[in-house]
Structure formats: C-alpha cells, structure tokens
Amino acid sequence: MDLEARALQPNVKAMASADQRGRLLMSTERLNQSTDRVRQSRMTMQETEAIGVSILEDLHSQRQSLLHAHNTLHGVDENVGRSKKILTAMSRRMNRNKWIIGTIIAVLVLVVVLIIYFKLIH
C-alpha cells in the first residue's frame, strides 16, 4: 500500500488525504454525538432512579400510615364491642328495675286498697 500511495500523483494524494480527513471528522462527530446521547441517557437514568426512590419512600410512608390506622381501627372495634356489652347489660338492669318498681307500686296500691277496705268495713 505504501508503494501505491507513493505512486499516486500529489493531486490524488491530497484528495485521498482530504477524503480520509472528512471521514475521520465524520467519525469523530458521530462519536461525540454518541457520547452526548450516552451522557443524556445516564442523566435520564439517574433522574428516573431518584424518582423511583422518592416513590418508594412515599409508598413506605403510606404503608406505615395504613398500618397505624389499621391498628387504631382494631382498638376502636374492641372498644365498641365492650361498649355494646355494657349497654346491653345496662338495658337489662333498667328493664329489671322497671319491673321491680312496677311490682312494688302494685303491692303498695293493693295494701292501700286493703287498708281503705278494712277501715270502711270496720
């Protein structure tokens, strides 16, 4: 190849050299463009990773909030159950007390009627 290059006329050598330079410049430009694209891709990847980490942190925080709300709800549910039992017991006592008071009133009315009856007869 050296012999061929030497055998070429200087005009042809200059054209071949200019053509090689042009191809070299185009290759360098493509390489620079590829490097820029890789750099942009890395930046996009880092931004995406940061967004993903932020989303995961938010999801973790929301999970903790839901777990806390779930535990609180179970506590409230237990309290409602106990309150229901207490109210049922109070209602039963109230009904029993009404029957007792009604019975006492009926007995007292009967005693008063008997006393009046015996006072009028004797």
N, C-alpha and C. Protein backbone atom coordinates (compact mmCIF):
# COMPACT_ATOMS: atom_id res chain seq x y z
N MET A 1 0.82 -1.17 0.00
CA MET A 1 0.00 0.00 0.00
C MET A 1 0.87 1.25 0.00
N ASP A 2 2.01 1.19 0.64
CA ASP A 2 2.92 2.33 0.62
C ASP A 2 3.38 2.63 -0.81
N LEU A 3 3.63 1.57 -1.53
CA LEU A 3 4.08 1.75 -2.91
C LEU A 3 2.99 2.39 -3.74
N GLU A 4 1.75 1.98 -3.50
CA GLU A 4 0.65 2.56 -4.26
C GLU A 4 0.48 4.03 -3.92
N ALA A 5 0.60 4.37 -2.63
CA ALA A 5 0.44 5.75 -2.21
C ALA A 5 1.55 6.61 -2.80
N ARG A 6 2.77 6.05 -2.90
CA ARG A 6 3.89 6.80 -3.47
C ARG A 6 3.72 6.98 -4.97
N ALA A 7 3.10 5.97 -5.55
CA ALA A 7 2.94 6.01 -6.99
C ALA A 7 1.86 6.99 -7.42
N LEU A 8 0.94 7.32 -6.54
CA LEU A 8 -0.14 8.24 -6.88
C LEU A 8 0.41 9.65 -7.08
N GLN A 9 -0.26 10.36 -7.89
CA GLN A 9 0.15 11.75 -8.13
C GLN A 9 -0.19 12.58 -6.90
N PRO A 10 0.51 13.68 -6.68
CA PRO A 10 0.27 14.52 -5.50
C PRO A 10 -1.17 15.03 -5.42
N ASN A 11 -1.78 15.30 -6.54
CA ASN A 11 -3.15 15.78 -6.57
C ASN A 11 -4.10 14.71 -6.02
N VAL A 12 -3.89 13.49 -6.43
CA VAL A 12 -4.72 12.38 -5.99
C VAL A 12 -4.46 12.11 -4.52
N LYS A 13 -3.17 12.25 -4.12
CA LYS A 13 -2.82 12.06 -2.70
C LYS A 13 -3.56 13.07 -1.84
N ALA A 14 -3.62 14.29 -2.25
CA ALA A 14 -4.29 15.35 -1.50
C ALA A 14 -5.78 15.07 -1.40
N MET A 15 -6.37 14.58 -2.50
CA MET A 15 -7.80 14.26 -2.49
C MET A 15 -8.08 13.09 -1.56
N ALA A 16 -7.21 12.07 -1.60
CA ALA A 16 -7.39 10.91 -0.73
C ALA A 16 -7.22 11.32 0.72
N SER A 17 -6.23 12.18 0.97
CA SER A 17 -6.00 12.66 2.33
C SER A 17 -7.18 13.49 2.81
N ALA A 18 -7.74 14.34 1.97
CA ALA A 18 -8.90 15.16 2.33
C ALA A 18 -10.12 14.27 2.58
N ASP A 19 -10.25 13.23 1.76
CA ASP A 19 -11.36 12.29 1.93
C ASP A 19 -11.24 11.56 3.26
N GLN A 20 -10.02 11.14 3.58
CA GLN A 20 -9.79 10.46 4.87
C GLN A 20 -10.07 11.40 6.03
N ARG A 21 -9.63 12.65 5.88
CA ARG A 21 -9.89 13.64 6.94
C ARG A 21 -11.39 13.84 7.12
N GLY A 22 -12.10 13.93 6.02
CA GLY A 22 -13.55 14.10 6.09
C GLY A 22 -14.22 12.93 6.79
N ARG A 23 -13.79 11.72 6.43
CA ARG A 23 -14.36 10.54 7.10
C ARG A 23 -13.99 10.52 8.58
N LEU A 24 -12.74 10.91 8.86
CA LEU A 24 -12.30 10.96 10.26
C LEU A 24 -13.10 11.99 11.04
N LEU A 25 -13.35 13.15 10.44
CA LEU A 25 -14.15 14.18 11.11
C LEU A 25 -15.58 13.69 11.33
N MET A 26 -16.13 13.02 10.32
CA MET A 26 -17.49 12.49 10.47
C MET A 26 -17.54 11.44 11.58
N SER A 27 -16.53 10.59 11.62
CA SER A 27 -16.47 9.56 12.67
C SER A 27 -16.35 10.19 14.04
N THR A 28 -15.50 11.22 14.13
CA THR A 28 -15.33 11.94 15.40
C THR A 28 -16.65 12.59 15.81
N GLU A 29 -17.34 13.19 14.85
CA GLU A 29 -18.63 13.83 15.14
C GLU A 29 -19.65 12.80 15.62
N ARG A 30 -19.70 11.65 14.94
CA ARG A 30 -20.62 10.59 15.37
C ARG A 30 -20.27 10.10 16.76
N LEU A 31 -18.98 9.97 17.03
CA LEU A 31 -18.53 9.54 18.36
C LEU A 31 -18.95 10.56 19.42
N ASN A 32 -18.79 11.84 19.12
CA ASN A 32 -19.20 12.89 20.06
C ASN A 32 -20.71 12.86 20.29
N GLN A 33 -21.46 12.66 19.20
CA GLN A 33 -22.92 12.57 19.33
C GLN A 33 -23.32 11.36 20.18
N SER A 34 -22.64 10.25 19.95
CA SER A 34 -22.93 9.05 20.73
C SER A 34 -22.60 9.27 22.20
N THR A 35 -21.47 9.94 22.44
CA THR A 35 -21.08 10.25 23.82
C THR A 35 -22.13 11.14 24.48
N ASP A 36 -22.62 12.14 23.74
CA ASP A 36 -23.66 13.02 24.28
C ASP A 36 -24.94 12.24 24.58
N ARG A 37 -25.31 11.33 23.67
CA ARG A 37 -26.50 10.52 23.91
C ARG A 37 -26.33 9.63 25.13
N VAL A 38 -25.14 9.05 25.29
CA VAL A 38 -24.88 8.21 26.47
C VAL A 38 -24.97 9.05 27.73
N ARG A 39 -24.40 10.26 27.69
CA ARG A 39 -24.43 11.16 28.84
C ARG A 39 -25.88 11.53 29.18
N GLN A 40 -26.68 11.84 28.15
CA GLN A 40 -28.09 12.16 28.38
C GLN A 40 -28.85 10.96 28.92
N SER A 41 -28.52 9.79 28.40
CA SER A 41 -29.18 8.57 28.89
C SER A 41 -28.85 8.34 30.35
N ARG A 42 -27.60 8.56 30.73
CA ARG A 42 -27.21 8.41 32.14
C ARG A 42 -27.95 9.40 33.02
N MET A 43 -28.06 10.65 32.54
CA MET A 43 -28.78 11.65 33.33
C MET A 43 -30.25 11.25 33.49
N THR A 44 -30.85 10.78 32.41
CA THR A 44 -32.24 10.33 32.47
C THR A 44 -32.38 9.15 33.42
N MET A 45 -31.42 8.24 33.37
CA MET A 45 -31.45 7.08 34.25
C MET A 45 -31.34 7.52 35.72
N GLN A 46 -30.45 8.47 36.01
CA GLN A 46 -30.29 8.95 37.38
C GLN A 46 -31.56 9.66 37.86
N GLU A 47 -32.16 10.46 36.98
CA GLU A 47 -33.42 11.13 37.34
C GLU A 47 -34.51 10.10 37.61
N THR A 48 -34.59 9.09 36.75
CA THR A 48 -35.59 8.04 36.92
C THR A 48 -35.36 7.29 38.22
N GLU A 49 -34.10 7.02 38.53
CA GLU A 49 -33.78 6.32 39.77
C GLU A 49 -34.17 7.17 40.98
N ALA A 50 -33.89 8.47 40.92
CA ALA A 50 -34.25 9.36 42.02
C ALA A 50 -35.77 9.40 42.20
N ILE A 51 -36.50 9.45 41.09
CA ILE A 51 -37.97 9.46 41.17
C ILE A 51 -38.46 8.15 41.76
N GLY A 52 -37.85 7.03 41.33
CA GLY A 52 -38.24 5.72 41.86
C GLY A 52 -38.00 5.62 43.36
N VAL A 53 -36.85 6.14 43.82
CA VAL A 53 -36.54 6.12 45.25
C VAL A 53 -37.56 6.97 46.01
N SER A 54 -37.89 8.13 45.45
CA SER A 54 -38.88 9.00 46.09
C SER A 54 -40.24 8.32 46.18
N ILE A 55 -40.63 7.64 45.11
CA ILE A 55 -41.92 6.93 45.11
C ILE A 55 -41.90 5.82 46.14
N LEU A 56 -40.79 5.08 46.22
CA LEU A 56 -40.70 4.00 47.22
C LEU A 56 -40.78 4.55 48.64
N GLU A 57 -40.14 5.69 48.88
CA GLU A 57 -40.22 6.31 50.21
C GLU A 57 -41.65 6.72 50.52
N ASP A 58 -42.34 7.31 49.54
CA ASP A 58 -43.74 7.70 49.73
C ASP A 58 -44.61 6.47 50.02
N LEU A 59 -44.39 5.41 49.25
CA LEU A 59 -45.17 4.19 49.46
C LEU A 59 -44.91 3.60 50.85
N HIS A 60 -43.66 3.65 51.29
CA HIS A 60 -43.33 3.14 52.63
C HIS A 60 -44.06 3.97 53.70
N SER A 61 -44.02 5.28 53.52
CA SER A 61 -44.71 6.17 54.47
C SER A 61 -46.21 5.90 54.48
N GLN A 62 -46.80 5.71 53.31
CA GLN A 62 -48.23 5.43 53.23
C GLN A 62 -48.55 4.08 53.85
N ARG A 63 -47.66 3.11 53.68
CA ARG A 63 -47.87 1.78 54.28
C ARG A 63 -47.87 1.90 55.80
N GLN A 64 -46.92 2.68 56.33
CA GLN A 64 -46.86 2.86 57.77
C GLN A 64 -48.14 3.54 58.28
N SER A 65 -48.61 4.53 57.53
CA SER A 65 -49.86 5.21 57.92
C SER A 65 -51.03 4.24 57.91
N LEU A 66 -51.11 3.40 56.88
CA LEU A 66 -52.20 2.43 56.80
C LEU A 66 -52.12 1.41 57.93
N LEU A 67 -50.91 0.96 58.26
CA LEU A 67 -50.77 0.01 59.37
C LEU A 67 -51.19 0.65 60.69
N HIS A 68 -50.80 1.91 60.89
CA HIS A 68 -51.19 2.61 62.12
C HIS A 68 -52.72 2.76 62.17
N ALA A 69 -53.32 3.15 61.05
CA ALA A 69 -54.78 3.29 61.00
C ALA A 69 -55.46 1.94 61.24
N HIS A 70 -54.90 0.88 60.70
CA HIS A 70 -55.45 -0.47 60.88
C HIS A 70 -55.42 -0.86 62.36
N ASN A 71 -54.28 -0.61 63.02
CA ASN A 71 -54.17 -0.94 64.44
C ASN A 71 -55.13 -0.09 65.27
N THR A 72 -55.24 1.18 64.94
CA THR A 72 -56.17 2.06 65.66
C THR A 72 -57.60 1.58 65.47
N LEU A 73 -57.94 1.17 64.25
CA LEU A 73 -59.28 0.69 63.96
C LEU A 73 -59.60 -0.56 64.77
N HIS A 74 -58.62 -1.47 64.92
CA HIS A 74 -58.86 -2.66 65.73
C HIS A 74 -59.11 -2.27 67.19
N GLY A 75 -58.35 -1.29 67.69
CA GLY A 75 -58.57 -0.82 69.06
C GLY A 75 -59.96 -0.23 69.23
N VAL A 76 -60.39 0.56 68.26
CA VAL A 76 -61.73 1.16 68.31
C VAL A 76 -62.79 0.07 68.24
N ASP A 77 -62.57 -0.93 67.39
CA ASP A 77 -63.52 -2.03 67.25
C ASP A 77 -63.67 -2.78 68.57
N GLU A 78 -62.56 -3.01 69.26
CA GLU A 78 -62.63 -3.68 70.56
C GLU A 78 -63.40 -2.83 71.57
N ASN A 79 -63.15 -1.52 71.55
CA ASN A 79 -63.87 -0.62 72.47
C ASN A 79 -65.36 -0.60 72.17
N VAL A 80 -65.72 -0.60 70.90
CA VAL A 80 -67.14 -0.62 70.52
C VAL A 80 -67.79 -1.91 70.99
N GLY A 81 -67.08 -3.03 70.87
CA GLY A 81 -67.61 -4.31 71.34
C GLY A 81 -67.87 -4.30 72.84
N ARG A 82 -66.88 -3.78 73.58
CA ARG A 82 -67.07 -3.69 75.04
C ARG A 82 -68.22 -2.75 75.39
N SER A 83 -68.30 -1.62 74.70
CA SER A 83 -69.38 -0.66 74.96
C SER A 83 -70.74 -1.29 74.68
N LYS A 84 -70.83 -2.07 73.63
CA LYS A 84 -72.09 -2.73 73.30
C LYS A 84 -72.50 -3.69 74.41
N LYS A 85 -71.55 -4.46 74.93
CA LYS A 85 -71.86 -5.38 76.03
C LYS A 85 -72.31 -4.61 77.27
N ILE A 86 -71.63 -3.51 77.58
CA ILE A 86 -72.00 -2.71 78.75
C ILE A 86 -73.40 -2.13 78.57
N LEU A 87 -73.70 -1.58 77.39
CA LEU A 87 -75.03 -1.01 77.14
C LEU A 87 -76.12 -2.07 77.20
N THR A 88 -75.84 -3.26 76.71
CA THR A 88 -76.82 -4.35 76.78
C THR A 88 -77.09 -4.71 78.24
N ALA A 89 -76.03 -4.80 79.05
CA ALA A 89 -76.21 -5.11 80.47
C ALA A 89 -76.99 -4.00 81.17
N MET A 90 -76.69 -2.75 80.84
CA MET A 90 -77.41 -1.63 81.46
C MET A 90 -78.89 -1.67 81.07
N SER A 91 -79.18 -1.99 79.83
CA SER A 91 -80.57 -2.07 79.38
C SER A 91 -81.32 -3.17 80.13
N ARG A 92 -80.68 -4.31 80.32
CA ARG A 92 -81.32 -5.40 81.07
C ARG A 92 -81.60 -4.98 82.51
N ARG A 93 -80.61 -4.34 83.14
CA ARG A 93 -80.82 -3.88 84.52
C ARG A 93 -81.95 -2.86 84.59
N MET A 94 -81.99 -1.96 83.61
CA MET A 94 -83.03 -0.94 83.60
C MET A 94 -84.41 -1.59 83.47
N ASN A 95 -84.56 -2.56 82.59
CA ASN A 95 -85.84 -3.26 82.44
C ASN A 95 -86.20 -4.01 83.72
N ARG A 96 -85.21 -4.67 84.34
CA ARG A 96 -85.46 -5.40 85.58
C ARG A 96 -85.90 -4.43 86.68
N ASN A 97 -85.22 -3.27 86.76
CA ASN A 97 -85.59 -2.27 87.77
C ASN A 97 -87.00 -1.74 87.53
N LYS A 98 -87.40 -1.56 86.27
CA LYS A 98 -88.76 -1.12 85.96
C LYS A 98 -89.78 -2.14 86.47
N TRP A 99 -89.52 -3.42 86.24
CA TRP A 99 -90.43 -4.46 86.71
C TRP A 99 -90.49 -4.49 88.23
N ILE A 100 -89.35 -4.32 88.87
CA ILE A 100 -89.34 -4.32 90.34
C ILE A 100 -90.13 -3.12 90.86
N ILE A 101 -89.90 -1.93 90.31
CA ILE A 101 -90.62 -0.74 90.76
C ILE A 101 -92.11 -0.89 90.47
N GLY A 102 -92.46 -1.41 89.32
CA GLY A 102 -93.88 -1.65 88.99
C GLY A 102 -94.52 -2.61 89.97
N THR A 103 -93.80 -3.66 90.34
CA THR A 103 -94.32 -4.64 91.31
C THR A 103 -94.50 -3.98 92.67
N ILE A 104 -93.52 -3.19 93.09
CA ILE A 104 -93.62 -2.50 94.40
C ILE A 104 -94.81 -1.55 94.39
N ILE A 105 -94.99 -0.80 93.31
CA ILE A 105 -96.14 0.12 93.23
C ILE A 105 -97.45 -0.65 93.28
N ALA A 106 -97.52 -1.77 92.56
CA ALA A 106 -98.75 -2.59 92.57
C ALA A 106 -99.02 -3.11 93.97
N VAL A 107 -98.00 -3.57 94.67
CA VAL A 107 -98.18 -4.07 96.04
C VAL A 107 -98.64 -2.94 96.96
N LEU A 108 -98.02 -1.76 96.83
CA LEU A 108 -98.42 -0.63 97.68
C LEU A 108 -99.86 -0.21 97.40
N VAL A 109 -100.25 -0.18 96.13
CA VAL A 109 -101.64 0.17 95.80
C VAL A 109 -102.57 -0.87 96.39
N LEU A 110 -102.22 -2.14 96.30
CA LEU A 110 -103.04 -3.21 96.88
C LEU A 110 -103.14 -3.04 98.40
N VAL A 111 -102.04 -2.71 99.06
CA VAL A 111 -102.06 -2.51 100.51
C VAL A 111 -102.95 -1.31 100.86
N VAL A 112 -102.83 -0.21 100.11
CA VAL A 112 -103.67 0.96 100.38
C VAL A 112 -105.14 0.61 100.18
N VAL A 113 -105.47 -0.12 99.14
CA VAL A 113 -106.85 -0.52 98.89
C VAL A 113 -107.34 -1.41 100.03
N LEU A 114 -106.52 -2.34 100.47
CA LEU A 114 -106.92 -3.22 101.57
C LEU A 114 -107.12 -2.42 102.87
N ILE A 115 -106.23 -1.47 103.11
CA ILE A 115 -106.37 -0.65 104.32
C ILE A 115 -107.67 0.15 104.25
N ILE A 116 -107.96 0.76 103.13
CA ILE A 116 -109.19 1.53 102.97
C ILE A 116 -110.40 0.61 103.11
N TYR A 117 -110.35 -0.55 102.53
CA TYR A 117 -111.45 -1.50 102.61
C TYR A 117 -111.73 -1.89 104.06
N PHE A 118 -110.67 -2.24 104.79
CA PHE A 118 -110.88 -2.64 106.18
C PHE A 118 -111.30 -1.47 107.06
N LYS A 119 -110.88 -0.25 106.74
CA LYS A 119 -111.28 0.91 107.53
C LYS A 119 -112.76 1.21 107.31
N LEU A 120 -113.21 1.05 106.12
CA LEU A 120 -114.60 1.34 105.83
C LEU A 120 -115.53 0.24 106.36
N ILE A 121 -115.13 -0.95 106.33
CA ILE A 121 -115.95 -2.05 106.81
C ILE A 121 -115.97 -2.03 108.34
N HIS A 122 -114.99 -1.75 109.02
CA HIS A 122 -114.95 -1.81 110.48
C HIS A 122 -115.06 -0.48 111.03
